[in-house]
């Protein structure tokens, strides 16, 4: 699959049409490209009722309530958002049918008619208002991201959203998985039962959920779009890439998510299986713990990033199925022509360590300062199969410049990261959510950001990210995002490694999955089925 097109200017150009010189409204997003409601009538009501599929996924470690695990509810066909990202990363109507920007802080969004929740209740403007209010009151990240001051029901199929500051890309922000529309009334009535069996709008609904083991979903017969081709899907939580591969080879599962590079080669050589790939949309990198010892020194951080041979890692770790990362955003998503990047320069890295006072005085190959060797704790996790390999390679590269890295494999990366007793942590994170750079900038790189696990803090980045969030002119928004990207690189907020392809192993019996969406969030839809 070719790399996706350059999308930020496209997205912003579309949104810019929403505001005239006089502040008038215009259509801000294109007409819906989703299947019309009538499409469901083209398929007999019992079609696919007995058809089932098993899918091996990496994580089932949180209940599928979108506020707890939007990353699970959305790709498994349970939840839907008002807008979704298209294959070019521009926002498209989904549970909404369109949007108009009235002024810099006000949007009017029209709601798709005929949508039913999993319990049969109708979704209207009041339900959308209640769902979004639940999201911003119960999730700090959504409160910050959306910055909503008020939501008003204008008629049964229209809401008016007013933000605290200028919000030129609100439809894009409403693609965030935690903004998925839920039956908030059911959530209140069900209490603790709701997270396990949330009432959503997608083509499938939860039948059973067993933490870290399996989730079974069944067809939503009142789905507003094309009737799902499968009656039942079982998702199996298999954190180990080899386990997912073996389950695929044995026929226990029909699709295995996120193959390792070695697994990709194995599947390609099996006539009964195929590899389906999506272009890079996420970043593989190392978090830097800015509150920990030597990593406080920018010269040490620069030495670390200069010691990593990204080009070699792309070839060795992904077997060429990826791209070298110099900053946080993948190629084609945000184009910054003048970025000054850190390259592989081990001699310069050694010189920086010496400048910071680290020298090998005892000849053991490890530099010391004040009699203490420079030893870094490097954590990794196996759920993303390339991460332990990257950690081992980084260990060798750091040793070459005089740093000893102690690699530790952890089973639960988020709790381990939150404990803070580490210097470097290999990680995988999407950076293209909402189709706009503000999401990743705000979440991962601003002071106190919900995904800022290394506690990076820079007034320069904070200021630039805020400016990106409120800039209306597309060219200015891109310019500011590029400046923020350069600041992130300069201050070594993280150590970028590579942008990996997202590879699926698929049985030849699977249909409707020939070209996976470039965003893994849109993994399963009503068109996926079996022969």
Protein backbone atom coordinates (compact mmCIF):
# COMPACT_ATOMS: atom_id res chain seq x y z
CA UNK A 1 0.00 0.00 0.00
CA UNK A 2 1.34 3.41 -0.91
CA UNK A 3 1.94 6.01 1.73
CA UNK A 4 -1.07 8.15 2.45
CA UNK A 5 -1.20 11.63 0.98
CA UNK A 6 -0.22 14.83 2.70
CA UNK A 7 -3.34 15.52 4.75
CA UNK A 8 -3.02 18.35 7.25
CA UNK A 9 -3.31 21.12 4.62
CA UNK A 10 -6.20 19.28 2.96
CA UNK A 11 -8.04 18.94 6.27
CA UNK A 12 -7.46 22.55 7.22
CA UNK A 13 -8.33 23.85 3.78
CA UNK A 14 -11.71 22.13 4.04
CA UNK A 15 -12.31 23.61 7.46
CA UNK A 16 -11.17 27.04 6.37
CA UNK A 17 -14.14 27.14 4.01
CA UNK A 18 -16.35 27.17 7.08
CA UNK A 19 -15.58 30.77 7.94
CA UNK A 20 -16.23 33.64 5.57
CA UNK A 21 -14.78 37.10 5.97
CA UNK A 22 -17.97 38.09 7.73
CA UNK A 23 -18.00 35.07 10.01
CA UNK A 24 -20.82 33.34 8.17
CA UNK A 25 -21.30 29.59 8.08
CA UNK A 26 -20.57 27.13 5.30
CA UNK A 27 -20.37 23.37 5.08
CA UNK A 28 -17.13 22.38 6.78
CA UNK A 29 -16.98 18.69 5.95
CA UNK A 30 -17.96 16.76 2.82
CA UNK A 31 -21.19 14.86 2.41
CA UNK A 32 -21.27 11.48 4.07
CA UNK A 33 -19.40 8.68 2.34
CA UNK A 34 -20.74 6.00 4.66
CA UNK A 35 -23.32 3.43 3.58
CA UNK A 36 -26.85 4.86 3.57
CA UNK A 37 -29.43 3.55 5.98
CA UNK A 38 -31.30 1.82 3.17
CA UNK A 39 -28.27 -0.40 2.47
CA UNK A 40 -29.25 -2.69 5.33
CA UNK A 41 -32.42 -3.67 3.48
CA UNK A 42 -30.39 -5.14 0.61
CA UNK A 43 -29.30 -8.08 2.78
CA UNK A 44 -31.75 -10.67 4.15
CA UNK A 45 -32.28 -10.30 7.89
CA UNK A 46 -30.79 -13.74 8.63
CA UNK A 47 -27.80 -13.37 6.28
CA UNK A 48 -24.55 -14.11 8.11
CA UNK A 49 -26.38 -14.87 11.34
CA UNK A 50 -24.45 -18.09 11.89
CA UNK A 51 -21.16 -16.89 10.41
CA UNK A 52 -18.42 -16.34 12.98
CA UNK A 53 -14.81 -15.23 13.08
CA UNK A 54 -11.97 -15.42 15.61
CA UNK A 55 -9.43 -12.61 15.80
CA UNK A 56 -6.20 -12.47 17.83
CA UNK A 57 -5.53 -9.02 19.27
CA UNK A 58 -2.76 -7.65 21.47
CA UNK A 59 -4.64 -6.14 24.39
CA UNK A 60 -7.87 -6.91 26.23
CA UNK A 61 -6.68 -5.31 29.44
CA UNK A 62 -9.48 -2.75 29.91
CA UNK A 63 -13.28 -2.95 29.65
CA UNK A 64 -14.65 -1.71 26.30
CA UNK A 65 -16.43 1.40 27.60
CA UNK A 66 -14.98 4.06 25.23
CA UNK A 67 -13.96 6.23 28.18
CA UNK A 68 -11.82 3.38 29.50
CA UNK A 69 -10.70 1.74 26.27
CA UNK A 70 -11.77 3.71 23.24
CA UNK A 71 -8.82 2.11 21.46
CA UNK A 72 -10.60 -1.25 21.95
CA UNK A 73 -14.25 -0.29 21.37
CA UNK A 74 -13.67 1.54 18.09
CA UNK A 75 -11.58 -0.98 16.10
CA UNK A 76 -13.69 -3.95 17.18
CA UNK A 77 -16.86 -2.51 15.62
CA UNK A 78 -18.54 -1.60 18.90
CA UNK A 79 -18.41 2.17 18.89
CA UNK A 80 -18.62 5.05 16.43
CA UNK A 81 -17.81 8.75 16.63
CA UNK A 82 -19.54 11.74 15.06
CA UNK A 83 -16.72 12.01 12.54
CA UNK A 84 -14.09 9.54 11.39
CA UNK A 85 -10.80 9.90 9.55
CA UNK A 86 -10.82 9.00 5.88
CA UNK A 87 -8.00 7.18 4.14
CA UNK A 88 -6.41 10.58 3.47
CA UNK A 89 -6.70 11.46 7.19
CA UNK A 90 -9.28 14.19 6.63
CA UNK A 91 -12.44 14.03 8.78
CA UNK A 92 -15.60 12.58 7.28
CA UNK A 93 -19.13 12.45 8.71
CA UNK A 94 -20.02 9.23 10.47
CA UNK A 95 -22.74 9.51 13.13
CA UNK A 96 -22.97 13.12 12.03
CA UNK A 97 -23.97 14.09 8.50
CA UNK A 98 -22.24 17.47 8.42
CA UNK A 99 -21.03 20.51 10.33
CA UNK A 100 -21.12 24.27 9.98
CA UNK A 101 -18.85 26.74 11.74
CA UNK A 102 -20.88 29.77 12.81
CA UNK A 103 -17.97 31.70 14.28
CA UNK A 104 -14.53 30.86 15.62
CA UNK A 105 -15.97 29.25 18.76
CA UNK A 106 -19.28 27.86 17.53
CA UNK A 107 -20.12 24.78 15.45
CA UNK A 108 -23.50 23.37 14.47
CA UNK A 109 -23.47 19.62 13.84
CA UNK A 110 -26.26 17.67 12.20
CA UNK A 111 -26.95 14.15 13.46
CA UNK A 112 -27.55 11.09 11.28
CA UNK A 113 -31.22 10.00 11.43
CA UNK A 114 -32.28 6.42 12.10
CA UNK A 115 -29.36 5.39 14.31
CA UNK A 116 -30.19 2.89 17.06
CA UNK A 117 -28.15 2.10 20.15
CA UNK A 118 -27.47 -1.56 20.95
CA UNK A 119 -30.47 -1.58 23.29
CA UNK A 120 -32.81 -0.33 20.56
CA UNK A 121 -33.06 3.24 21.85
CA UNK A 122 -32.81 5.94 19.21
CA UNK A 123 -29.80 8.23 18.97
CA UNK A 124 -30.77 11.88 18.61
CA UNK A 125 -29.30 15.28 19.41
CA UNK A 126 -30.15 14.97 23.10
CA UNK A 127 -28.36 11.62 23.28
CA UNK A 128 -25.31 13.10 21.55
CA UNK A 129 -25.26 16.01 23.99
CA UNK A 130 -25.49 13.66 26.98
CA UNK A 131 -22.74 11.41 25.61
CA UNK A 132 -20.30 14.26 24.94
CA UNK A 133 -21.01 15.78 28.35
CA UNK A 134 -20.27 12.40 29.93
CA UNK A 135 -16.95 12.31 28.07
CA UNK A 136 -15.78 15.76 29.11
CA UNK A 137 -16.91 15.44 32.74
CA UNK A 138 -15.46 11.97 33.29
CA UNK A 139 -12.25 12.20 31.27
CA UNK A 140 -9.76 15.01 31.83
CA UNK A 141 -8.06 14.37 28.50
CA UNK A 142 -11.31 14.86 26.60
CA UNK A 143 -12.13 17.97 28.62
CA UNK A 144 -8.78 19.47 27.61
CA UNK A 145 -8.87 18.29 24.02
CA UNK A 146 -12.39 19.46 23.17
CA UNK A 147 -12.38 22.60 25.38
CA UNK A 148 -16.19 22.72 25.24
CA UNK A 149 -18.02 25.52 27.05
CA UNK A 150 -21.56 24.41 26.21
CA UNK A 151 -23.65 22.02 24.10
CA UNK A 152 -27.15 23.00 23.04
CA UNK A 153 -29.84 20.87 21.40
CA UNK A 154 -31.19 22.97 18.53
CA UNK A 155 -33.63 20.39 17.17
CA UNK A 156 -33.90 16.58 17.31
CA UNK A 157 -31.04 16.19 14.83
CA UNK A 158 -28.80 19.19 15.46
CA UNK A 159 -26.51 20.31 18.27
CA UNK A 160 -24.63 23.57 18.73
CA UNK A 161 -21.23 23.29 20.40
CA UNK A 162 -19.49 26.35 21.78
CA UNK A 163 -15.84 26.09 22.79
CA UNK A 164 -13.92 28.24 25.25
CA UNK A 165 -11.35 29.24 22.65
CA UNK A 166 -11.19 29.26 18.88
CA UNK A 167 -11.67 25.73 17.59
CA UNK A 168 -11.10 25.56 13.83
CA UNK A 169 -10.75 21.77 13.74
CA UNK A 170 -13.52 20.58 16.07
CA UNK A 171 -14.85 17.91 13.63
CA UNK A 172 -11.38 16.38 13.58
CA UNK A 173 -11.21 16.40 17.37
CA UNK A 174 -14.54 14.59 17.42
CA UNK A 175 -12.87 11.62 15.73
CA UNK A 176 -11.04 10.85 19.00
CA UNK A 177 -12.03 7.34 20.12
CA UNK A 178 -13.11 8.46 23.60
CA UNK A 179 -15.73 10.76 22.05
CA UNK A 180 -17.63 7.72 20.73
CA UNK A 181 -21.35 8.19 21.22
CA UNK A 182 -22.77 6.08 24.06
CA UNK A 183 -26.24 5.80 25.54
CA UNK A 184 -25.47 7.99 28.57
CA UNK A 185 -28.86 7.24 30.13
CA UNK A 186 -28.07 3.52 30.00
CA UNK A 187 -24.62 4.21 31.44
CA UNK A 188 -26.16 5.93 34.44
CA UNK A 189 -28.78 3.22 34.94
CA UNK A 190 -26.35 0.31 34.56
CA UNK A 191 -23.64 1.67 36.84
CA UNK A 192 -20.67 -0.68 37.17
CA UNK A 193 -22.13 -3.06 34.59
CA UNK A 194 -21.85 -0.53 31.77
CA UNK A 195 -18.04 -0.60 31.22
CA UNK A 196 -18.17 -4.37 30.60
CA UNK A 197 -21.19 -4.23 28.29
CA UNK A 198 -21.47 -0.64 27.01
CA UNK A 199 -24.46 0.45 24.96
CA UNK A 200 -23.04 1.89 21.73
CA UNK A 201 -24.00 2.29 18.05
CA UNK A 202 -21.55 0.12 16.08
CA UNK A 203 -22.32 -2.91 13.88
CA UNK A 204 -21.45 -5.26 16.75
CA UNK A 205 -22.39 -5.31 20.45
CA UNK A 206 -20.71 -6.96 23.43
CA UNK A 207 -21.99 -10.36 24.48
CA UNK A 208 -19.25 -11.27 26.97
CA UNK A 209 -15.97 -9.74 28.10
CA UNK A 210 -13.27 -11.50 30.12
CA UNK A 211 -10.35 -9.31 31.10
CA UNK A 212 -7.07 -10.24 29.35
CA UNK A 213 -8.68 -13.32 27.77
CA UNK A 214 -11.50 -12.82 25.30
CA UNK A 215 -14.35 -10.62 24.17
CA UNK A 216 -17.30 -11.98 22.21
CA UNK A 217 -19.41 -9.59 20.14
CA UNK A 218 -22.59 -10.28 18.17
CA UNK A 219 -24.31 -8.57 15.28
CA UNK A 220 -26.33 -5.43 15.95
CA UNK A 221 -29.45 -6.25 13.93
CA UNK A 222 -30.69 -2.65 14.03
CA UNK A 223 -27.45 -1.20 12.73
CA UNK A 224 -28.02 1.94 10.65
CA UNK A 225 -25.60 0.99 7.86
CA UNK A 226 -24.95 -2.19 5.89
CA UNK A 227 -25.96 -5.19 7.95
CA UNK A 228 -22.82 -6.90 9.31
CA UNK A 229 -21.73 -9.98 7.37
CA UNK A 230 -20.81 -11.85 10.56
CA UNK A 231 -23.13 -12.97 13.30
CA UNK A 232 -20.40 -13.30 15.90
CA UNK A 233 -16.75 -12.36 16.45
CA UNK A 234 -14.52 -13.67 19.21
CA UNK A 235 -11.50 -11.51 20.05
CA UNK A 236 -8.70 -13.40 21.81
CA UNK A 237 -6.17 -11.43 23.86
CA UNK A 238 -2.73 -12.80 22.92
CA UNK A 239 -0.02 -10.38 23.97
CA UNK A 240 2.80 -12.47 22.51
CA UNK A 241 3.34 -12.05 18.75
CA UNK A 242 4.42 -15.69 18.34
CA UNK A 243 1.19 -16.84 20.01
CA UNK A 244 -0.86 -14.77 17.58
CA UNK A 245 1.08 -16.21 14.66
CA UNK A 246 0.67 -19.81 15.83
CA UNK A 247 -3.06 -19.29 16.35
CA UNK A 248 -3.32 -18.02 12.77
CA UNK A 249 -1.27 -20.88 11.32
CA UNK A 250 -3.32 -23.48 13.18
CA UNK A 251 -6.61 -22.00 12.02
CA UNK A 252 -7.69 -21.07 15.54
CA UNK A 253 -8.05 -17.46 14.41
CA UNK A 254 -8.89 -15.92 11.06
CA UNK A 255 -6.98 -12.66 11.57
CA UNK A 256 -3.90 -11.97 13.68
CA UNK A 257 -3.30 -8.32 14.49
CA UNK A 258 0.15 -6.76 14.44
CA UNK A 259 2.53 -9.39 13.11
CA UNK A 260 6.18 -9.29 14.01
CA UNK A 261 8.62 -8.80 11.09
CA UNK A 262 9.54 -12.49 11.30
CA UNK A 263 5.86 -13.42 11.44
CA UNK A 264 5.20 -11.37 8.34
CA UNK A 265 7.74 -13.44 6.40
CA UNK A 266 6.24 -16.68 7.70
CA UNK A 267 2.72 -15.70 6.66
CA UNK A 268 3.87 -14.61 3.21
CA UNK A 269 5.24 -18.11 2.62
CA UNK A 270 1.97 -19.83 3.57
CA UNK A 271 -0.40 -20.32 0.58
CA UNK A 272 -3.43 -20.32 2.91
CA UNK A 273 -2.61 -16.98 4.47
CA UNK A 274 -1.88 -13.43 3.40
CA UNK A 275 -0.30 -10.30 4.85
CA UNK A 276 -2.36 -7.13 4.70
CA UNK A 277 -0.41 -3.96 5.50
CA UNK A 278 -1.35 -0.42 6.40
CA UNK A 279 1.15 2.40 5.97
CA UNK A 280 2.80 3.95 9.06
CA UNK A 281 0.55 6.06 11.24
CA UNK A 282 2.24 5.55 14.62
CA UNK A 283 5.64 6.18 16.14
CA UNK A 284 8.02 3.69 17.74
CA UNK A 285 10.31 5.59 20.09
CA UNK A 286 11.91 5.75 23.52
CA UNK A 287 10.37 7.89 26.23
CA UNK A 288 13.00 9.82 28.16
CA UNK A 289 12.44 10.26 31.89
CA UNK A 290 13.26 13.94 32.29
CA UNK A 291 12.98 13.71 36.08
CA UNK A 292 15.59 11.01 36.43
CA UNK A 293 19.32 11.54 37.10
CA UNK A 294 21.51 12.00 34.07
CA UNK A 295 18.56 12.42 31.71
CA UNK A 296 18.04 15.90 33.14
CA UNK A 297 21.15 16.94 31.22
CA UNK A 298 20.27 17.85 27.63
CA UNK A 299 23.78 16.87 26.53
CA UNK A 300 23.22 13.33 27.77
CA UNK A 301 19.86 13.16 26.01
CA UNK A 302 21.47 14.39 22.81
CA UNK A 303 24.21 11.78 23.17
CA UNK A 304 21.58 9.06 23.49
CA UNK A 305 19.67 10.16 20.39
CA UNK A 306 22.89 10.52 18.37
CA UNK A 307 23.93 6.99 19.34
CA UNK A 308 20.86 5.36 17.75
CA UNK A 309 21.25 4.23 14.14
CA UNK A 310 17.65 4.51 12.93
CA UNK A 311 18.42 3.52 9.36
CA UNK A 312 19.98 0.28 10.54
CA UNK A 313 16.98 -0.42 12.78
CA UNK A 314 14.49 0.07 9.94
CA UNK A 315 16.37 -2.54 7.94
CA UNK A 316 17.07 -5.01 10.74
CA UNK A 317 13.96 -4.71 12.90
CA UNK A 318 11.20 -4.13 10.34
CA UNK A 319 13.00 -5.72 7.36
CA UNK A 320 12.44 -2.48 5.49
CA UNK A 321 8.70 -2.38 6.22
CA UNK A 322 8.73 1.01 7.89
CA UNK A 323 10.39 4.42 7.79
CA UNK A 324 13.08 6.18 9.79
CA UNK A 325 11.72 8.64 12.36
CA UNK A 326 13.41 11.95 13.04
CA UNK A 327 10.45 13.53 14.83
CA UNK A 328 6.99 12.66 16.16
CA UNK A 329 4.93 12.66 12.95
CA UNK A 330 5.05 10.07 10.14
CA UNK A 331 5.87 10.97 6.53
CA UNK A 332 2.97 12.47 4.65
CA UNK A 333 1.10 13.59 7.77
CA UNK A 334 2.94 16.83 8.49
CA UNK A 335 5.53 18.10 6.02
CA UNK A 336 8.21 20.30 7.56
CA UNK A 337 10.84 21.02 4.92
CA UNK A 338 13.40 22.67 7.16
CA UNK A 339 13.59 20.30 10.14
CA UNK A 340 17.04 20.03 11.69
CA UNK A 341 17.21 16.45 12.89
CA UNK A 342 19.61 14.47 15.04
CA UNK A 343 21.47 11.93 12.90
CA UNK A 344 23.56 8.90 13.76
CA UNK A 345 26.80 10.48 15.00
CA UNK A 346 28.46 8.33 17.70
CA UNK A 347 31.64 10.44 17.78
CA UNK A 348 29.64 13.57 18.51
CA UNK A 349 27.72 11.62 21.16
CA UNK A 350 30.97 10.69 22.92
CA UNK A 351 32.10 14.32 22.79
CA UNK A 352 28.84 15.49 24.37
CA UNK A 353 29.22 12.98 27.21
CA UNK A 354 32.74 14.25 27.81
CA UNK A 355 31.47 17.85 27.81
CA UNK A 356 28.89 16.82 30.42
CA UNK A 357 31.68 15.46 32.63
CA UNK A 358 31.43 11.75 31.78
CA UNK A 359 34.73 10.00 31.02
CA UNK A 360 35.96 6.41 31.10
CA UNK A 361 38.69 6.66 33.72
CA UNK A 362 39.07 2.96 34.50
CA UNK A 363 39.11 1.63 30.95
CA UNK A 364 36.07 -0.65 31.26
CA UNK A 365 34.27 1.00 28.33
CA UNK A 366 31.67 2.75 30.51
CA UNK A 367 31.95 6.46 31.26
CA UNK A 368 31.77 7.76 34.82
CA UNK A 369 31.14 11.04 36.57
CA UNK A 370 32.13 11.66 40.19
CA UNK A 371 33.10 8.01 40.40
CA UNK A 372 29.67 6.75 39.29
CA UNK A 373 29.27 4.85 35.99
CA UNK A 374 26.59 6.07 33.58
CA UNK A 375 24.01 3.28 33.82
CA UNK A 376 20.50 3.71 32.41
CA UNK A 377 17.43 1.58 33.12
CA UNK A 378 15.81 0.76 29.77
CA UNK A 379 12.33 -0.76 29.97
CA UNK A 380 10.41 -2.44 27.17
CA UNK A 381 7.33 -4.63 26.64
CA UNK A 382 6.54 -7.55 24.38
CA UNK A 383 3.02 -6.66 23.25
CA UNK A 384 4.58 -4.72 20.38
CA UNK A 385 6.96 -7.33 18.96
CA UNK A 386 9.61 -4.95 17.63
CA UNK A 387 10.10 -3.14 20.95
CA UNK A 388 12.26 -5.75 22.78
CA UNK A 389 14.40 -6.05 19.63
CA UNK A 390 14.83 -2.28 19.53
CA UNK A 391 15.73 -2.26 23.23
CA UNK A 392 18.44 -4.87 22.69
CA UNK A 393 19.82 -3.00 19.68
CA UNK A 394 19.77 0.30 21.60
CA UNK A 395 21.61 -1.38 24.46
CA UNK A 396 24.45 -2.28 22.09
CA UNK A 397 24.49 1.17 20.46
CA UNK A 398 24.61 2.94 23.82
CA UNK A 399 27.43 0.71 25.00
CA UNK A 400 29.40 1.82 21.95
CA UNK A 401 29.42 5.41 23.27
CA UNK A 402 30.13 4.39 26.86
CA UNK A 403 26.65 4.05 28.38
CA UNK A 404 25.51 0.84 30.05
CA UNK A 405 21.80 0.18 29.54
CA UNK A 406 20.06 -2.41 31.69
CA UNK A 407 17.13 -3.81 29.71
CA UNK A 408 14.06 -4.97 31.62
CA UNK A 409 10.94 -6.55 30.09
CA UNK A 410 7.68 -5.53 31.78
CA UNK A 411 4.25 -7.12 31.36
CA UNK A 412 2.14 -4.02 32.02
CA UNK A 413 3.76 -1.01 30.37
CA UNK A 414 1.45 1.76 31.58
CA UNK A 415 1.73 0.97 35.32
CA UNK A 416 5.48 0.45 34.91
CA UNK A 417 5.82 3.81 33.16
CA UNK A 418 3.81 5.53 35.86
CA UNK A 419 6.13 4.23 38.58
CA UNK A 420 8.93 6.34 37.10
CA UNK A 421 11.90 4.16 38.10
CA UNK A 422 13.36 4.09 34.59
CA UNK A 423 15.49 6.29 32.33
CA UNK A 424 14.38 5.12 28.88
CA UNK A 425 11.26 3.20 27.84
CA UNK A 426 10.62 1.83 24.35
CA UNK A 427 7.07 2.68 23.32
CA UNK A 428 4.57 2.58 20.46
CA UNK A 429 2.01 5.36 20.10
CA UNK A 430 -0.36 6.64 17.45
CA UNK A 431 0.39 10.23 16.47
CA UNK A 432 -2.19 10.84 13.75
CA UNK A 433 -5.39 10.72 15.83
CA UNK A 434 -7.95 13.41 14.88
CA UNK A 435 -6.07 14.02 11.59
CA UNK A 436 -4.34 17.04 13.10
CA UNK A 437 -1.00 17.45 14.95
CA UNK A 438 -2.54 19.24 17.93
CA UNK A 439 -3.78 15.99 19.49
CA UNK A 440 -0.32 14.45 19.78
CA UNK A 441 1.39 17.73 20.64
CA UNK A 442 -1.01 18.44 23.49
CA UNK A 443 -1.22 14.87 24.80
CA UNK A 444 2.40 13.78 24.62
CA UNK A 445 4.58 16.88 24.79
CA UNK A 446 2.90 19.59 26.85
CA UNK A 447 3.52 19.93 30.56
CA UNK A 448 1.18 17.54 32.36
CA UNK A 449 -0.14 16.02 29.10
CA UNK A 450 -2.08 12.79 29.64
CA UNK A 451 0.37 10.82 27.47
CA UNK A 452 3.52 12.64 28.57
CA UNK A 453 4.99 9.67 30.44
CA UNK A 454 8.51 11.09 30.57
CA UNK A 455 7.36 14.32 32.26
CA UNK A 456 8.89 16.48 29.55
CA UNK A 457 8.27 20.16 30.26
CA UNK A 458 9.11 23.05 27.96
CA UNK A 459 7.51 26.48 28.01
CA UNK A 460 8.45 26.81 24.35
CA UNK A 461 6.58 23.65 23.36
CA UNK A 462 3.65 24.47 25.65
CA UNK A 463 3.27 27.88 24.01
CA UNK A 464 3.58 26.57 20.45
CA UNK A 465 1.13 23.71 21.06
CA UNK A 466 -1.42 26.18 22.42
CA UNK A 467 -0.96 28.37 19.36
CA UNK A 468 -1.46 25.37 17.08
CA UNK A 469 -4.69 24.54 18.89
CA UNK A 470 -6.19 27.96 18.20
CA UNK A 471 -4.70 28.90 14.82
CA UNK A 472 -7.34 29.22 12.10
CA UNK A 473 -5.27 29.87 8.99
CA UNK A 474 -4.11 26.50 7.56
CA UNK A 475 -0.66 27.73 6.56
CA UNK A 476 -0.11 29.31 9.97
CA UNK A 477 -1.31 26.18 11.75
CA UNK A 478 1.15 24.04 9.80
CA UNK A 479 3.98 26.50 10.37
CA UNK A 480 3.40 26.48 14.12
CA UNK A 481 3.15 22.68 14.21
CA UNK A 482 6.50 22.47 12.44
CA UNK A 483 8.04 24.90 14.94
CA UNK A 484 6.72 22.76 17.79
CA UNK A 485 8.14 19.67 16.11
CA UNK A 486 11.54 21.32 15.84
CA UNK A 487 11.44 22.28 19.53
CA UNK A 488 10.62 18.67 20.45
CA UNK A 489 13.61 17.50 18.42
CA UNK A 490 15.96 20.18 19.78
CA UNK A 491 15.16 19.48 23.42
CA UNK A 492 15.13 15.68 22.92
CA UNK A 493 11.69 15.27 24.42
CA UNK A 494 11.81 11.66 23.21
CA UNK A 495 14.15 9.48 21.17
CA UNK A 496 12.32 8.82 17.88
CA UNK A 497 13.16 5.47 16.27
CA UNK A 498 10.92 4.47 13.36
CA UNK A 499 7.45 4.46 11.84
CA UNK A 500 6.48 0.78 11.40
CA UNK A 501 3.95 -0.57 8.94
CA UNK A 502 0.93 -2.15 10.64
CA UNK A 503 0.80 -5.76 9.43
CA UNK A 504 -2.12 -8.17 9.74
CA UNK A 505 -2.02 -11.91 9.11
CA UNK A 506 -5.24 -12.95 7.36
CA UNK A 507 -6.73 -16.28 6.36
CA UNK A 508 -7.70 -16.63 2.71
CA UNK A 509 -11.26 -17.33 3.95
CA UNK A 510 -11.63 -13.70 5.06
CA UNK A 511 -13.41 -11.27 2.71
CA UNK A 512 -13.83 -7.51 2.88
CA UNK A 513 -10.37 -6.90 4.32
CA UNK A 514 -8.22 -6.49 1.22
CA UNK A 515 -6.94 -3.01 2.03
CA UNK A 516 -6.90 -2.20 5.75
CA UNK A 517 -7.64 1.37 6.69
CA UNK A 518 -4.40 3.29 7.38
CA UNK A 519 -5.77 4.02 10.85
CA UNK A 520 -6.01 0.76 12.86
CA UNK A 521 -8.87 2.34 14.80
CA UNK A 522 -11.09 1.42 11.84
CA UNK A 523 -10.11 -2.25 11.81
CA UNK A 524 -13.42 -4.14 11.73
CA UNK A 525 -16.56 -2.90 10.02
CA UNK A 526 -19.76 -4.45 8.73
CA UNK A 527 -18.14 -5.44 5.42
CA UNK A 528 -15.64 -7.92 6.89
CA UNK A 529 -16.84 -11.50 6.55
CA UNK A 530 -15.89 -15.09 5.61
CA UNK A 531 -16.31 -17.12 2.45
